């Protein structure tokens, strides 16, 4: 993906967007942890659940990295 020159959003706007996305993803992750299906009785549902949790965790990790770049741009 190439870097985009944004005209209408500032660095502060970007930081707010990333923070809001992180809040939403963390909320989704928390909600999923409350409804974990049984590994033994619901194997298929548990596999789908695990994939969802892993995808959210990966997204949170990437967004946190991006957030750090926004806070400390000289560390790129």
N, C-alpha and C. Protein backbone atom coordinates (compact mmCIF):
# COMPACT_ATOMS: atom_id res chain seq x y z
N UNK A 1 0.84 -1.18 0.00
CA UNK A 1 0.00 0.00 0.00
C UNK A 1 0.89 1.24 0.00
N UNK A 2 0.53 2.21 -0.79
CA UNK A 2 1.34 3.41 -0.87
C UNK A 2 0.86 4.44 0.15
N UNK A 3 1.76 5.36 0.51
CA UNK A 3 1.40 6.44 1.41
C UNK A 3 0.46 7.41 0.70
N UNK A 4 -0.52 7.83 1.42
CA UNK A 4 -1.51 8.74 0.86
C UNK A 4 -1.31 10.12 1.47
N UNK A 5 -1.35 11.15 0.64
CA UNK A 5 -1.30 12.52 1.14
C UNK A 5 -2.74 12.96 1.39
N UNK A 6 -3.06 13.08 2.67
CA UNK A 6 -4.42 13.47 3.03
C UNK A 6 -4.54 14.98 3.08
N UNK A 7 -5.60 15.48 2.51
CA UNK A 7 -5.83 16.92 2.43
C UNK A 7 -6.72 17.39 3.59
N UNK A 8 -7.68 16.57 3.96
CA UNK A 8 -8.71 17.02 4.90
C UNK A 8 -8.53 16.51 6.32
N UNK A 9 -7.58 15.64 6.55
CA UNK A 9 -7.38 15.19 7.94
C UNK A 9 -5.96 15.51 8.38
N UNK A 10 -5.86 15.97 9.60
CA UNK A 10 -4.57 16.35 10.18
C UNK A 10 -3.97 15.15 10.91
N UNK A 11 -2.76 15.33 11.40
CA UNK A 11 -2.13 14.28 12.20
C UNK A 11 -2.94 14.01 13.46
N UNK A 12 -3.51 15.07 14.03
CA UNK A 12 -4.36 14.89 15.21
C UNK A 12 -5.60 14.08 14.86
N UNK A 13 -6.21 14.37 13.69
CA UNK A 13 -7.37 13.60 13.23
C UNK A 13 -7.00 12.12 13.07
N UNK A 14 -5.83 11.86 12.49
CA UNK A 14 -5.38 10.48 12.30
C UNK A 14 -5.24 9.78 13.65
N UNK A 15 -4.66 10.46 14.63
CA UNK A 15 -4.49 9.87 15.95
C UNK A 15 -5.85 9.55 16.58
N UNK A 16 -6.81 10.43 16.40
CA UNK A 16 -8.16 10.21 16.95
C UNK A 16 -8.82 9.03 16.25
N UNK A 17 -8.67 8.94 14.94
CA UNK A 17 -9.25 7.82 14.18
C UNK A 17 -8.66 6.49 14.65
N UNK A 18 -7.34 6.44 14.80
CA UNK A 18 -6.69 5.21 15.25
C UNK A 18 -7.15 4.86 16.66
N UNK A 19 -7.25 5.86 17.54
CA UNK A 19 -7.70 5.60 18.91
C UNK A 19 -9.13 5.05 18.92
N UNK A 20 -10.00 5.64 18.11
CA UNK A 20 -11.38 5.16 18.04
C UNK A 20 -11.46 3.74 17.50
N UNK A 21 -10.65 3.44 16.50
CA UNK A 21 -10.62 2.08 15.95
C UNK A 21 -10.13 1.08 17.01
N UNK A 22 -9.10 1.49 17.76
CA UNK A 22 -8.59 0.62 18.82
C UNK A 22 -9.65 0.36 19.89
N UNK A 23 -10.37 1.40 20.27
CA UNK A 23 -11.43 1.23 21.27
C UNK A 23 -12.48 0.24 20.77
N UNK A 24 -12.86 0.39 19.51
CA UNK A 24 -13.87 -0.51 18.94
C UNK A 24 -13.36 -1.95 18.89
N UNK A 25 -12.14 -2.14 18.44
CA UNK A 25 -11.57 -3.49 18.36
C UNK A 25 -11.40 -4.11 19.74
N UNK A 26 -10.93 -3.32 20.70
CA UNK A 26 -10.78 -3.85 22.06
C UNK A 26 -12.14 -4.23 22.63
N UNK A 27 -13.16 -3.44 22.34
CA UNK A 27 -14.51 -3.77 22.78
C UNK A 27 -15.00 -5.06 22.15
N UNK A 28 -14.75 -5.22 20.85
CA UNK A 28 -15.14 -6.46 20.17
C UNK A 28 -14.40 -7.66 20.75
N UNK A 29 -13.12 -7.48 21.02
CA UNK A 29 -12.32 -8.56 21.59
C UNK A 29 -12.87 -8.95 22.96
N UNK A 30 -13.14 -7.96 23.79
CA UNK A 30 -13.68 -8.23 25.12
C UNK A 30 -15.01 -8.97 25.02
N UNK A 31 -15.88 -8.52 24.13
CA UNK A 31 -17.18 -9.16 23.95
C UNK A 31 -17.02 -10.62 23.53
N UNK A 32 -16.08 -10.88 22.64
CA UNK A 32 -15.86 -12.26 22.20
C UNK A 32 -15.34 -13.13 23.34
N UNK A 33 -14.51 -12.58 24.20
CA UNK A 33 -13.99 -13.40 25.31
C UNK A 33 -15.08 -13.80 26.28
N UNK A 34 -16.18 -13.08 26.27
CA UNK A 34 -17.30 -13.41 27.17
C UNK A 34 -18.13 -14.58 26.68
N UNK A 35 -18.01 -14.91 25.40
CA UNK A 35 -18.89 -15.94 24.82
C UNK A 35 -18.10 -17.07 24.15
N UNK A 36 -16.98 -17.44 24.73
CA UNK A 36 -16.17 -18.51 24.13
C UNK A 36 -16.93 -19.83 24.12
N UNK A 37 -17.10 -20.42 22.94
CA UNK A 37 -17.77 -21.72 22.86
C UNK A 37 -16.87 -22.82 23.45
N UNK A 38 -17.48 -23.90 23.83
CA UNK A 38 -16.75 -25.03 24.38
C UNK A 38 -15.86 -25.66 23.30
N UNK A 39 -14.58 -25.88 23.66
CA UNK A 39 -13.66 -26.53 22.72
C UNK A 39 -14.09 -27.96 22.42
N UNK A 40 -14.72 -28.59 23.37
CA UNK A 40 -15.02 -30.02 23.23
C UNK A 40 -16.43 -30.27 22.70
N UNK A 41 -17.39 -29.45 23.10
CA UNK A 41 -18.78 -29.68 22.68
C UNK A 41 -19.14 -28.93 21.41
N UNK A 42 -18.44 -27.85 21.12
CA UNK A 42 -18.76 -27.04 19.94
C UNK A 42 -17.47 -26.74 19.17
N UNK A 43 -16.85 -27.78 18.66
CA UNK A 43 -15.53 -27.64 18.04
C UNK A 43 -15.54 -26.69 16.84
N UNK A 44 -16.54 -26.80 15.96
CA UNK A 44 -16.59 -25.93 14.78
C UNK A 44 -16.78 -24.47 15.18
N UNK A 45 -17.70 -24.23 16.11
CA UNK A 45 -17.94 -22.86 16.57
C UNK A 45 -16.71 -22.31 17.28
N UNK A 46 -16.02 -23.16 18.01
CA UNK A 46 -14.83 -22.70 18.72
C UNK A 46 -13.73 -22.32 17.73
N UNK A 47 -13.60 -23.07 16.64
CA UNK A 47 -12.59 -22.76 15.64
C UNK A 47 -12.88 -21.40 14.99
N UNK A 48 -14.14 -21.15 14.65
CA UNK A 48 -14.54 -19.87 14.06
C UNK A 48 -14.29 -18.75 15.08
N UNK A 49 -14.66 -18.99 16.32
CA UNK A 49 -14.46 -18.01 17.40
C UNK A 49 -12.98 -17.68 17.53
N UNK A 50 -12.14 -18.71 17.54
CA UNK A 50 -10.69 -18.51 17.67
C UNK A 50 -10.13 -17.70 16.51
N UNK A 51 -10.61 -17.97 15.31
CA UNK A 51 -10.17 -17.21 14.14
C UNK A 51 -10.56 -15.74 14.26
N UNK A 52 -11.76 -15.48 14.77
CA UNK A 52 -12.21 -14.11 14.96
C UNK A 52 -11.35 -13.39 16.00
N UNK A 53 -11.08 -14.07 17.12
CA UNK A 53 -10.26 -13.49 18.18
C UNK A 53 -8.86 -13.19 17.65
N UNK A 54 -8.29 -14.12 16.93
CA UNK A 54 -6.94 -13.94 16.37
C UNK A 54 -6.91 -12.78 15.38
N UNK A 55 -7.91 -12.67 14.53
CA UNK A 55 -7.96 -11.57 13.56
C UNK A 55 -8.05 -10.22 14.27
N UNK A 56 -8.86 -10.14 15.31
CA UNK A 56 -8.99 -8.89 16.06
C UNK A 56 -7.68 -8.58 16.77
N UNK A 57 -7.04 -9.58 17.38
CA UNK A 57 -5.77 -9.36 18.06
C UNK A 57 -4.70 -8.86 17.09
N UNK A 58 -4.66 -9.42 15.89
CA UNK A 58 -3.70 -8.97 14.88
C UNK A 58 -3.97 -7.52 14.47
N UNK A 59 -5.24 -7.18 14.32
CA UNK A 59 -5.60 -5.81 13.96
C UNK A 59 -5.23 -4.84 15.07
N UNK A 60 -5.47 -5.23 16.32
CA UNK A 60 -5.11 -4.38 17.45
C UNK A 60 -3.60 -4.16 17.48
N UNK A 61 -2.84 -5.22 17.27
CA UNK A 61 -1.39 -5.11 17.28
C UNK A 61 -0.90 -4.14 16.20
N UNK A 62 -1.44 -4.29 14.98
CA UNK A 62 -1.04 -3.41 13.87
C UNK A 62 -1.43 -1.96 14.14
N UNK A 63 -2.64 -1.75 14.67
CA UNK A 63 -3.06 -0.38 14.96
C UNK A 63 -2.22 0.24 16.08
N UNK A 64 -1.85 -0.56 17.07
CA UNK A 64 -0.98 -0.03 18.14
C UNK A 64 0.37 0.37 17.58
N UNK A 65 0.89 -0.40 16.64
CA UNK A 65 2.16 -0.02 15.99
C UNK A 65 1.99 1.29 15.23
N UNK A 66 0.89 1.41 14.51
CA UNK A 66 0.63 2.64 13.75
C UNK A 66 0.45 3.82 14.70
N UNK A 67 -0.21 3.56 15.82
CA UNK A 67 -0.41 4.62 16.81
C UNK A 67 0.93 5.12 17.34
N UNK A 68 1.85 4.21 17.58
CA UNK A 68 3.18 4.60 18.07
C UNK A 68 3.91 5.44 17.03
N UNK A 69 3.74 5.12 15.76
CA UNK A 69 4.37 5.91 14.69
C UNK A 69 3.79 7.32 14.65
N UNK A 70 2.48 7.44 14.92
CA UNK A 70 1.87 8.76 14.93
C UNK A 70 2.35 9.58 16.12
N UNK A 71 2.60 8.92 17.24
CA UNK A 71 3.06 9.62 18.45
C UNK A 71 4.54 9.95 18.34
N UNK A 72 5.33 9.04 17.77
CA UNK A 72 6.78 9.21 17.63
C UNK A 72 7.18 9.04 16.17
N UNK A 73 6.89 10.01 15.33
CA UNK A 73 7.18 9.84 13.89
C UNK A 73 8.66 9.70 13.56
N UNK A 74 9.55 10.16 14.42
CA UNK A 74 10.98 10.06 14.14
C UNK A 74 11.52 8.65 14.29
N UNK A 75 10.73 7.73 14.87
CA UNK A 75 11.19 6.35 15.08
C UNK A 75 10.91 5.45 13.89
N UNK A 76 10.47 5.95 12.78
CA UNK A 76 10.18 5.09 11.61
C UNK A 76 11.45 4.62 10.96
